[in-house]
Amino acid sequence: MNEILVDIGGVSVTVGAALVLCAALLMAVMLAVVVVVVRAAGAGGRDADRQAMRAEELEGRIAEMAQVQSETAGRLKTMGDVLAGRQVELGRIVNERLDAMSGRIGQSMTDTANQTVDRLQKLHERLAVIDTAQKNITDLSQQVTSLRDVLSNKQVRGAFGQARMEAIIRDGLPNGSYEFQLTLSNGTRPDCGVLLPDGRPLVIDAKFPLEAVTAFREAATEDIRKQAAQRIRQDLSKHIADISEKYLIPGETQDTALMFVPAESVYADLHDGFDDVVQKAYRARVVIVSPSLLMLAIQVMQQIMKDEKMREAADAIRNEVGHLMGDVSRLRERTLKLQQHFNQATEDIRLILVSSEKVERRASNIENLDFDSGDKAADVDTPLFTRKLGAAE
């Protein structure tokens, strides 16, 4: 009876409350009827019959109202039962939908959690890669800073260029074909001399005036840049003159010397902005080379040395070829002998097969008690296997 029958203005009316309301209304009507009857009785006995008739009518109406109240109560109860059943069904449907929604939400949260874990794991991996890269960058920056500190010193910078030149030469030429700090007849000592086949060394000088190039690159104004360019021309001209005068000795060294520039960028700057100095070096028979050009020159010199060794070893090669031809001739003779031995072995195998077939035929004759077959036919017959072997040959 506590089921909500109707909701009026936010106030919920249950079935029990409706029944109580109907009973109250019915009692009020009956009370009103009694009051009317009492008043009518007090008015006089003249109307007693009429009042009795009205009382009977009222009783009939009260009985009808009681019946209507009973029917209304039954209908309200039926309605309450129906509403209760519908409420139960609605609760079941709502619970099922809530369970389904809870299951979907739980699965979605599980999937989301798994995806989040995967993404976090990938993020950690990427962060680890980034940390490694950052560490490498830090190490590289420290190395660059250390290299800059090294190159800031003139003597250390010269040693760095010479070490790079020596590494290129050691990687490209065999031992004994070059000499570092070679002493010439005039007492000078170039950084390296490559010993070519004609006996005259090719001089390579690794000292280069990088101070002027650094000042030219770091110039803040045009005037400072022009002064640095003029300094580059003066330093290079003096260095080219020193190489030409000290290291190019007629009859002792090669007619050309190499001036090693330890950086490709510096070499490119020289050819782009100081072509007059480069041409002056060519006229002084001094070739300015970068690390890649020095590698190329080393490869050319290596090929020259190899060709010279090939020419020196031409007679020895000719003798070796003669010995090789003699070995080939002996190999042919021994192969022919081996072929003869093979043919002889084949003939011996054929005769063995003939004898074995004769033995088999005689054994068959003994088994069949047939002693009239002639042995001459057996001697001249060739076994089937030998005929096939001969056909194959």
Protein backbone atom coordinates (compact mmCIF):
# COMPACT_ATOMS: atom_id res chain seq x y z
CA MET A 1 0.00 0.00 0.00
CA ASN A 2 3.03 2.26 0.02
CA GLU A 3 3.25 2.34 -3.77
CA ILE A 4 3.15 5.84 -5.24
CA LEU A 5 -0.17 6.34 -7.09
CA VAL A 6 0.37 9.87 -8.42
CA ASP A 7 2.83 12.77 -8.03
CA ILE A 8 1.05 16.19 -7.67
CA GLY A 9 3.25 19.30 -7.43
CA GLY A 10 6.22 17.33 -6.17
CA VAL A 11 4.05 15.57 -3.48
CA SER A 12 3.84 11.78 -3.89
CA VAL A 13 0.38 10.26 -3.17
CA THR A 14 0.46 6.55 -2.23
CA VAL A 15 -2.39 4.01 -2.52
CA GLY A 16 -2.97 3.95 1.27
CA ALA A 17 -3.23 7.72 1.41
CA ALA A 18 -5.81 7.65 -1.42
CA LEU A 19 -7.89 5.07 0.44
CA VAL A 20 -7.81 7.10 3.65
CA LEU A 21 -8.82 10.20 1.71
CA CYS A 22 -11.80 8.39 0.14
CA ALA A 23 -12.91 7.05 3.58
CA ALA A 24 -12.67 10.55 5.04
CA LEU A 25 -14.76 11.98 2.25
CA LEU A 26 -17.37 9.25 2.73
CA MET A 27 -17.59 9.89 6.50
CA ALA A 28 -17.95 13.59 5.85
CA VAL A 29 -20.86 12.97 3.51
CA MET A 30 -22.56 10.64 6.02
CA LEU A 31 -22.07 13.21 8.80
CA ALA A 32 -23.65 15.87 6.62
CA VAL A 33 -26.64 13.61 5.94
CA VAL A 34 -27.15 12.93 9.68
CA VAL A 35 -27.05 16.65 10.42
CA VAL A 36 -29.68 17.29 7.78
CA VAL A 37 -31.87 14.54 9.18
CA VAL A 38 -31.58 15.88 12.72
CA ARG A 39 -32.50 19.37 11.59
CA ALA A 40 -35.44 18.07 9.67
CA ALA A 41 -36.72 16.12 12.71
CA GLY A 42 -36.57 19.27 14.83
CA ALA A 43 -38.74 21.18 12.33
CA GLY A 44 -41.90 19.25 13.21
CA GLY A 45 -43.68 16.03 12.81
CA ARG A 46 -45.59 17.22 9.82
CA ASP A 47 -42.98 16.23 7.54
CA ALA A 48 -42.20 12.94 9.29
CA ASP A 49 -43.31 10.82 6.44
CA ARG A 50 -41.49 12.87 3.97
CA GLN A 51 -38.38 12.81 6.16
CA ALA A 52 -38.70 9.06 6.52
CA MET A 53 -38.83 8.73 2.78
CA ARG A 54 -35.82 10.97 2.46
CA ALA A 55 -34.07 8.98 5.13
CA GLU A 56 -34.75 5.82 3.20
CA GLU A 57 -33.47 7.47 0.06
CA LEU A 58 -30.43 8.67 1.93
CA GLU A 59 -29.82 5.23 3.33
CA GLY A 60 -30.12 3.85 -0.19
CA ARG A 61 -27.67 6.45 -1.43
CA ILE A 62 -25.37 5.76 1.49
CA ALA A 63 -25.51 2.07 0.63
CA GLU A 64 -24.77 2.90 -3.01
CA MET A 65 -21.90 5.14 -1.90
CA ALA A 66 -20.60 2.37 0.35
CA GLN A 67 -20.75 -0.02 -2.58
CA VAL A 68 -19.01 2.54 -4.78
CA GLN A 69 -16.40 3.02 -2.03
CA SER A 70 -15.88 -0.73 -1.86
CA GLU A 71 -15.54 -0.95 -5.62
CA THR A 72 -13.20 2.05 -5.61
CA ALA A 73 -11.09 0.41 -2.89
CA GLY A 74 -10.94 -2.81 -4.94
CA ARG A 75 -9.95 -0.92 -8.06
CA LEU A 76 -7.34 1.06 -6.12
CA LYS A 77 -5.94 -2.17 -4.70
CA THR A 78 -5.85 -3.72 -8.16
CA MET A 79 -4.19 -0.58 -9.46
CA GLY A 80 -1.72 -0.71 -6.58
CA ASP A 81 -0.89 -4.35 -7.36
CA VAL A 82 -0.42 -3.52 -11.03
CA LEU A 83 1.76 -0.55 -10.14
CA ALA A 84 3.73 -2.70 -7.71
CA GLY A 85 4.29 -5.32 -10.43
CA ARG A 86 5.34 -2.64 -12.88
CA GLN A 87 7.63 -1.12 -10.28
CA VAL A 88 9.27 -4.51 -9.72
CA GLU A 89 9.67 -4.99 -13.48
CA LEU A 90 11.02 -1.48 -13.83
CA GLY A 91 13.49 -2.16 -11.02
CA ARG A 92 14.61 -5.38 -12.69
CA ILE A 93 15.08 -3.64 -16.06
CA VAL A 94 16.94 -0.77 -14.42
CA ASN A 95 19.17 -3.23 -12.55
CA GLU A 96 19.90 -5.17 -15.73
CA ARG A 97 20.76 -2.00 -17.61
CA LEU A 98 22.89 -0.80 -14.72
CA ASP A 99 24.71 -4.14 -14.66
CA ALA A 100 25.28 -4.03 -18.43
CA MET A 101 26.40 -0.42 -18.21
CA SER A 102 28.68 -1.28 -15.27
CA GLY A 103 30.16 -4.16 -17.29
CA ARG A 104 30.78 -1.90 -20.28
CA ILE A 105 32.22 0.82 -18.11
CA GLY A 106 34.45 -1.72 -16.33
CA GLN A 107 35.69 -3.16 -19.65
CA SER A 108 36.25 0.33 -21.02
CA MET A 109 38.18 1.30 -17.92
CA THR A 110 40.24 -1.89 -18.18
CA ASP A 111 41.03 -1.22 -21.83
CA THR A 112 41.83 2.39 -21.04
CA ALA A 113 44.11 1.30 -18.19
CA ASN A 114 45.91 -1.20 -20.47
CA GLN A 115 46.33 1.44 -23.17
CA THR A 116 47.58 3.90 -20.59
CA VAL A 117 50.11 1.37 -19.28
CA ASP A 118 51.32 0.64 -22.83
CA ARG A 119 51.63 4.31 -23.62
CA LEU A 120 53.45 4.97 -20.39
CA GLN A 121 55.83 2.12 -21.14
CA LYS A 122 56.50 3.50 -24.63
CA LEU A 123 56.91 6.94 -23.12
CA HIS A 124 59.46 5.57 -20.64
CA GLU A 125 61.33 3.91 -23.49
CA ARG A 126 61.37 7.13 -25.48
CA LEU A 127 62.46 9.05 -22.42
CA ALA A 128 65.28 6.55 -21.97
CA VAL A 129 66.31 7.10 -25.59
CA ILE A 130 66.10 10.85 -25.09
CA ASP A 131 68.20 10.58 -21.92
CA THR A 132 70.81 8.57 -23.81
CA ALA A 133 70.81 11.08 -26.66
CA GLN A 134 71.07 13.95 -24.18
CA LYS A 135 73.97 12.21 -22.49
CA ASN A 136 75.69 11.74 -25.85
CA ILE A 137 75.08 15.39 -26.68
CA THR A 138 76.51 16.39 -23.32
CA ASP A 139 79.58 14.22 -23.91
CA LEU A 140 79.94 15.63 -27.43
CA SER A 141 79.67 19.20 -26.15
CA GLN A 142 82.34 18.43 -23.58
CA GLN A 143 84.54 16.98 -26.32
CA VAL A 144 83.91 20.01 -28.53
CA THR A 145 84.75 22.31 -25.63
CA SER A 146 87.89 20.30 -24.96
CA LEU A 147 88.78 20.43 -28.65
CA ARG A 148 88.22 24.18 -28.68
CA ASP A 149 90.50 24.53 -25.66
CA VAL A 150 93.08 22.42 -27.43
CA LEU A 151 92.89 24.44 -30.64
CA SER A 152 93.08 27.73 -28.76
CA ASN A 153 96.80 27.08 -28.23
CA LYS A 154 98.94 27.67 -31.30
CA GLN A 155 101.45 24.92 -30.58
CA VAL A 156 98.79 22.39 -29.65
CA ARG A 157 96.79 23.32 -32.77
CA GLY A 158 99.88 22.73 -34.94
CA ALA A 159 100.42 19.34 -33.29
CA PHE A 160 96.76 18.50 -33.96
CA GLY A 161 97.12 19.25 -37.69
CA GLN A 162 100.33 17.26 -37.90
CA ALA A 163 98.76 14.31 -36.07
CA ARG A 164 95.86 14.27 -38.51
CA MET A 165 98.24 14.40 -41.47
CA GLU A 166 100.32 11.56 -40.03
CA ALA A 167 97.20 9.44 -39.47
CA ILE A 168 96.14 9.85 -43.12
CA ILE A 169 99.61 8.90 -44.37
CA ARG A 170 99.91 5.88 -42.07
CA ASP A 171 96.53 4.58 -43.20
CA GLY A 172 97.29 5.01 -46.91
CA LEU A 173 100.96 4.07 -47.34
CA PRO A 174 103.00 1.02 -46.29
CA ASN A 175 105.79 1.28 -43.76
CA GLY A 176 109.09 2.37 -45.23
CA SER A 177 107.54 4.47 -48.00
CA TYR A 178 107.45 7.67 -45.91
CA GLU A 179 109.44 9.39 -43.19
CA PHE A 180 108.28 11.99 -40.68
CA GLN A 181 110.59 14.89 -39.79
CA LEU A 182 112.80 14.09 -42.76
CA THR A 183 116.17 15.91 -42.69
CA LEU A 184 117.19 17.51 -46.01
CA SER A 185 120.64 18.45 -47.17
CA ASN A 186 120.13 22.12 -46.21
CA GLY A 187 119.35 21.13 -42.62
CA THR A 188 115.62 21.77 -42.79
CA ARG A 189 113.15 19.21 -41.49
CA PRO A 190 109.73 19.12 -43.18
CA ASP A 191 106.86 17.43 -41.38
CA CYS A 192 106.80 14.48 -43.77
CA GLY A 193 108.51 13.17 -46.87
CA VAL A 194 106.93 10.49 -49.07
CA LEU A 195 109.65 8.38 -50.70
CA LEU A 196 108.71 8.01 -54.37
CA PRO A 197 110.31 5.43 -56.72
CA ASP A 198 112.75 7.93 -58.32
CA GLY A 199 114.39 8.45 -54.91
CA ARG A 200 113.23 12.03 -54.45
CA PRO A 201 110.80 12.60 -51.54
CA LEU A 202 107.56 14.52 -51.88
CA VAL A 203 107.57 17.09 -49.08
CA ILE A 204 104.35 17.64 -47.05
CA ASP A 205 104.12 20.51 -44.57
CA ALA A 206 101.33 20.40 -41.96
CA LYS A 207 101.80 23.86 -40.40
CA PHE A 208 99.06 26.33 -41.32
CA PRO A 209 98.30 29.86 -39.97
CA LEU A 210 94.80 29.38 -38.55
CA GLU A 211 94.82 32.51 -36.34
CA ALA A 212 94.11 34.82 -39.26
CA VAL A 213 91.36 32.53 -40.59
CA THR A 214 89.72 32.46 -37.14
CA ALA A 215 89.89 36.25 -36.89
CA PHE A 216 88.42 36.53 -40.41
CA ARG A 217 85.46 34.33 -39.50
CA GLU A 218 84.80 36.05 -36.16
CA ALA A 219 85.10 39.61 -37.50
CA ALA A 220 82.29 41.80 -36.13
CA THR A 221 82.64 44.69 -38.61
CA GLU A 222 83.65 45.05 -42.24
CA ASP A 223 86.85 46.88 -41.36
CA ILE A 224 87.97 44.15 -39.01
CA ARG A 225 87.09 41.61 -41.71
CA LYS A 226 89.26 43.42 -44.27
CA GLN A 227 92.16 43.58 -41.82
CA ALA A 228 91.82 39.84 -41.12
CA ALA A 229 91.73 39.09 -44.87
CA GLN A 230 94.90 41.12 -45.38
CA ARG A 231 96.52 39.20 -42.54
CA ILE A 232 95.52 35.88 -44.15
CA ARG A 233 97.16 36.94 -47.43
CA GLN A 234 100.35 38.00 -45.65
CA ASP A 235 100.61 34.86 -43.50
CA LEU A 236 99.87 32.51 -46.41
CA SER A 237 102.29 34.30 -48.73
CA LYS A 238 105.05 34.06 -46.13
CA HIS A 239 104.31 30.39 -45.43
CA ILE A 240 104.23 29.53 -49.16
CA ALA A 241 107.55 31.33 -49.64
CA ASP A 242 109.11 29.42 -46.72
CA ILE A 243 108.01 26.05 -48.14
CA SER A 244 109.26 26.92 -51.63
CA GLU A 245 112.64 28.18 -50.42
CA LYS A 246 113.35 25.58 -47.71
CA TYR A 247 111.80 22.34 -48.93
CA LEU A 248 112.12 22.47 -52.74
CA ILE A 249 115.73 21.49 -53.47
CA PRO A 250 116.46 20.77 -57.17
CA GLY A 251 117.61 17.19 -57.71
CA GLU A 252 116.93 16.19 -54.11
CA THR A 253 113.19 16.65 -53.63
CA GLN A 254 110.22 16.58 -55.95
CA ASP A 255 109.44 19.75 -57.90
CA THR A 256 106.16 20.21 -55.98
CA ALA A 257 105.39 20.35 -52.26
CA LEU A 258 102.09 19.96 -50.43
CA MET A 259 100.75 22.36 -47.78
CA PHE A 260 98.21 20.53 -45.61
CA VAL A 261 95.10 22.39 -44.37
CA PRO A 262 93.56 20.40 -41.47
CA ALA A 263 89.94 21.46 -42.16
CA GLU A 264 87.74 21.19 -45.26
CA SER A 265 85.89 24.39 -44.38
CA VAL A 266 89.12 26.41 -44.21
CA TYR A 267 90.18 24.97 -47.58
CA ALA A 268 86.83 26.00 -49.08
CA ASP A 269 87.15 29.52 -47.62
CA LEU A 270 90.60 29.88 -49.19
CA HIS A 271 89.35 28.91 -52.65
CA ASP A 272 86.23 31.07 -52.34
CA GLY A 273 87.75 34.29 -51.03
CA PHE A 274 91.52 34.07 -51.59
CA ASP A 275 91.96 32.71 -55.09
CA ASP A 276 94.91 35.06 -55.67
CA VAL A 277 96.82 33.39 -52.83
CA VAL A 278 95.99 29.92 -54.18
CA GLN A 279 97.26 30.89 -57.63
CA LYS A 280 100.40 32.34 -56.06
CA ALA A 281 101.00 29.00 -54.33
CA TYR A 282 100.61 27.16 -57.66
CA ARG A 283 103.20 29.44 -59.23
CA ALA A 284 105.52 28.72 -56.31
CA ARG A 285 104.94 24.97 -56.92
CA VAL A 286 103.15 24.57 -53.57
CA VAL A 287 99.79 22.77 -53.69
CA ILE A 288 97.30 23.47 -50.87
CA VAL A 289 95.46 20.26 -49.96
CA SER A 290 92.64 19.45 -47.57
CA PRO A 291 92.30 16.07 -45.75
CA SER A 292 90.24 14.57 -48.59
CA LEU A 293 92.67 15.81 -51.25
CA LEU A 294 95.59 14.45 -49.24
CA MET A 295 93.88 11.05 -49.14
CA LEU A 296 93.48 11.19 -52.92
CA ALA A 297 97.14 12.15 -53.39
CA ILE A 298 98.22 9.31 -51.09
CA GLN A 299 96.18 6.83 -53.18
CA VAL A 300 97.83 8.10 -56.37
CA MET A 301 101.28 7.77 -54.83
CA GLN A 302 100.44 4.28 -53.62
CA GLN A 303 99.45 3.26 -57.15
CA ILE A 304 102.69 4.77 -58.51
CA MET A 305 104.71 2.71 -56.02
CA LYS A 306 102.75 -0.41 -56.94
CA ASP A 307 103.36 0.13 -60.65
CA GLU A 308 107.06 0.62 -60.02
CA LYS A 309 107.22 -2.62 -58.05
CA MET A 310 105.43 -4.37 -60.92
CA ARG A 311 108.02 -3.08 -63.39
CA GLU A 312 110.88 -4.13 -61.12
CA ALA A 313 109.35 -7.58 -60.73
CA ALA A 314 108.65 -8.06 -64.48
CA ASP A 315 111.58 -10.51 -64.95
CA ALA A 316 110.63 -12.46 -61.87
CA ILE A 317 107.05 -12.59 -63.09
CA ARG A 318 108.22 -13.86 -66.49
CA ASN A 319 110.25 -16.63 -64.80
CA GLU A 320 107.30 -17.57 -62.61
CA VAL A 321 105.07 -17.77 -65.71
CA GLY A 322 107.63 -20.13 -67.34
CA HIS A 323 107.62 -22.35 -64.26
CA LEU A 324 103.84 -22.25 -64.30
CA MET A 325 103.74 -23.43 -67.94
CA GLY A 326 106.12 -26.30 -67.08
CA ASP A 327 103.83 -27.29 -64.19
CA VAL A 328 100.83 -27.25 -66.54
CA SER A 329 102.68 -29.50 -69.05
CA ARG A 330 103.58 -32.00 -66.35
CA LEU A 331 100.04 -31.95 -65.10
CA ARG A 332 98.80 -32.89 -68.59
CA GLU A 333 101.26 -35.77 -68.88
CA ARG A 334 100.27 -37.14 -65.48
CA THR A 335 96.61 -36.82 -66.39
CA LEU A 336 97.19 -38.90 -69.54
CA LYS A 337 98.98 -41.55 -67.50
CA LEU A 338 96.11 -41.62 -65.08
CA GLN A 339 93.72 -42.06 -67.99
CA GLN A 340 95.76 -45.06 -69.24
CA HIS A 341 95.64 -46.62 -65.78
CA PHE A 342 91.90 -46.05 -65.68
CA ASN A 343 91.44 -47.73 -69.09
CA GLN A 344 93.56 -50.71 -67.98
CA ALA A 345 91.51 -51.02 -64.79
CA THR A 346 88.33 -50.98 -66.86
CA GLU A 347 89.64 -53.84 -69.03
CA ASP A 348 90.62 -55.85 -65.97
CA ILE A 349 87.13 -55.40 -64.52
CA ARG A 350 85.60 -56.60 -67.80
CA LEU A 351 87.71 -59.78 -67.77
CA ILE A 352 86.79 -60.40 -64.12
CA LEU A 353 83.10 -60.14 -65.05
CA VAL A 354 83.60 -62.59 -67.92
CA SER A 355 85.24 -65.09 -65.56
CA SER A 356 82.53 -64.69 -62.94
CA GLU A 357 79.84 -65.28 -65.58
CA LYS A 358 81.61 -68.44 -66.77
CA VAL A 359 81.74 -69.69 -63.17
CA GLU A 360 78.04 -68.92 -62.76
CA ARG A 361 77.17 -70.73 -66.03
CA ARG A 362 79.18 -73.83 -65.05
CA ALA A 363 77.49 -73.89 -61.65
CA SER A 364 74.12 -73.70 -63.40
CA ASN A 365 75.08 -76.60 -65.72
CA ILE A 366 76.13 -78.69 -62.73
CA GLU A 367 72.87 -77.96 -60.99
CA ASN A 368 70.83 -78.92 -64.10
CA LEU A 369 73.07 -81.96 -64.88
CA ASP A 370 73.66 -80.47 -68.34
CA PHE A 371 77.23 -81.28 -69.29
CA ASP A 372 76.79 -81.08 -73.08
CA SER A 373 77.04 -77.29 -73.38
CA GLY A 374 80.26 -76.23 -75.04
CA ASP A 375 82.82 -74.16 -73.15
CA LYS A 376 83.93 -72.35 -76.28
CA ALA A 377 80.69 -70.44 -76.49
CA ALA A 378 81.05 -69.55 -72.84
CA ASP A 379 84.60 -68.30 -73.44
CA VAL A 380 83.66 -65.94 -76.21
CA ASP A 381 80.40 -64.69 -74.66
CA THR A 382 80.47 -61.25 -73.15
CA PRO A 383 78.39 -60.66 -70.02
CA LEU A 384 75.40 -58.39 -70.22
CA PHE A 385 76.92 -55.89 -67.75
CA THR A 386 80.11 -55.63 -69.88
CA ARG A 387 78.08 -55.04 -73.05
CA LYS A 388 76.24 -52.21 -71.35
CA LEU A 389 79.54 -50.78 -70.08
CA GLY A 390 81.03 -50.89 -73.56
CA ALA A 391 77.97 -49.20 -75.05
CA ALA A 392 78.23 -46.48 -72.44
CA GLU A 393 81.91 -45.92 -73.28
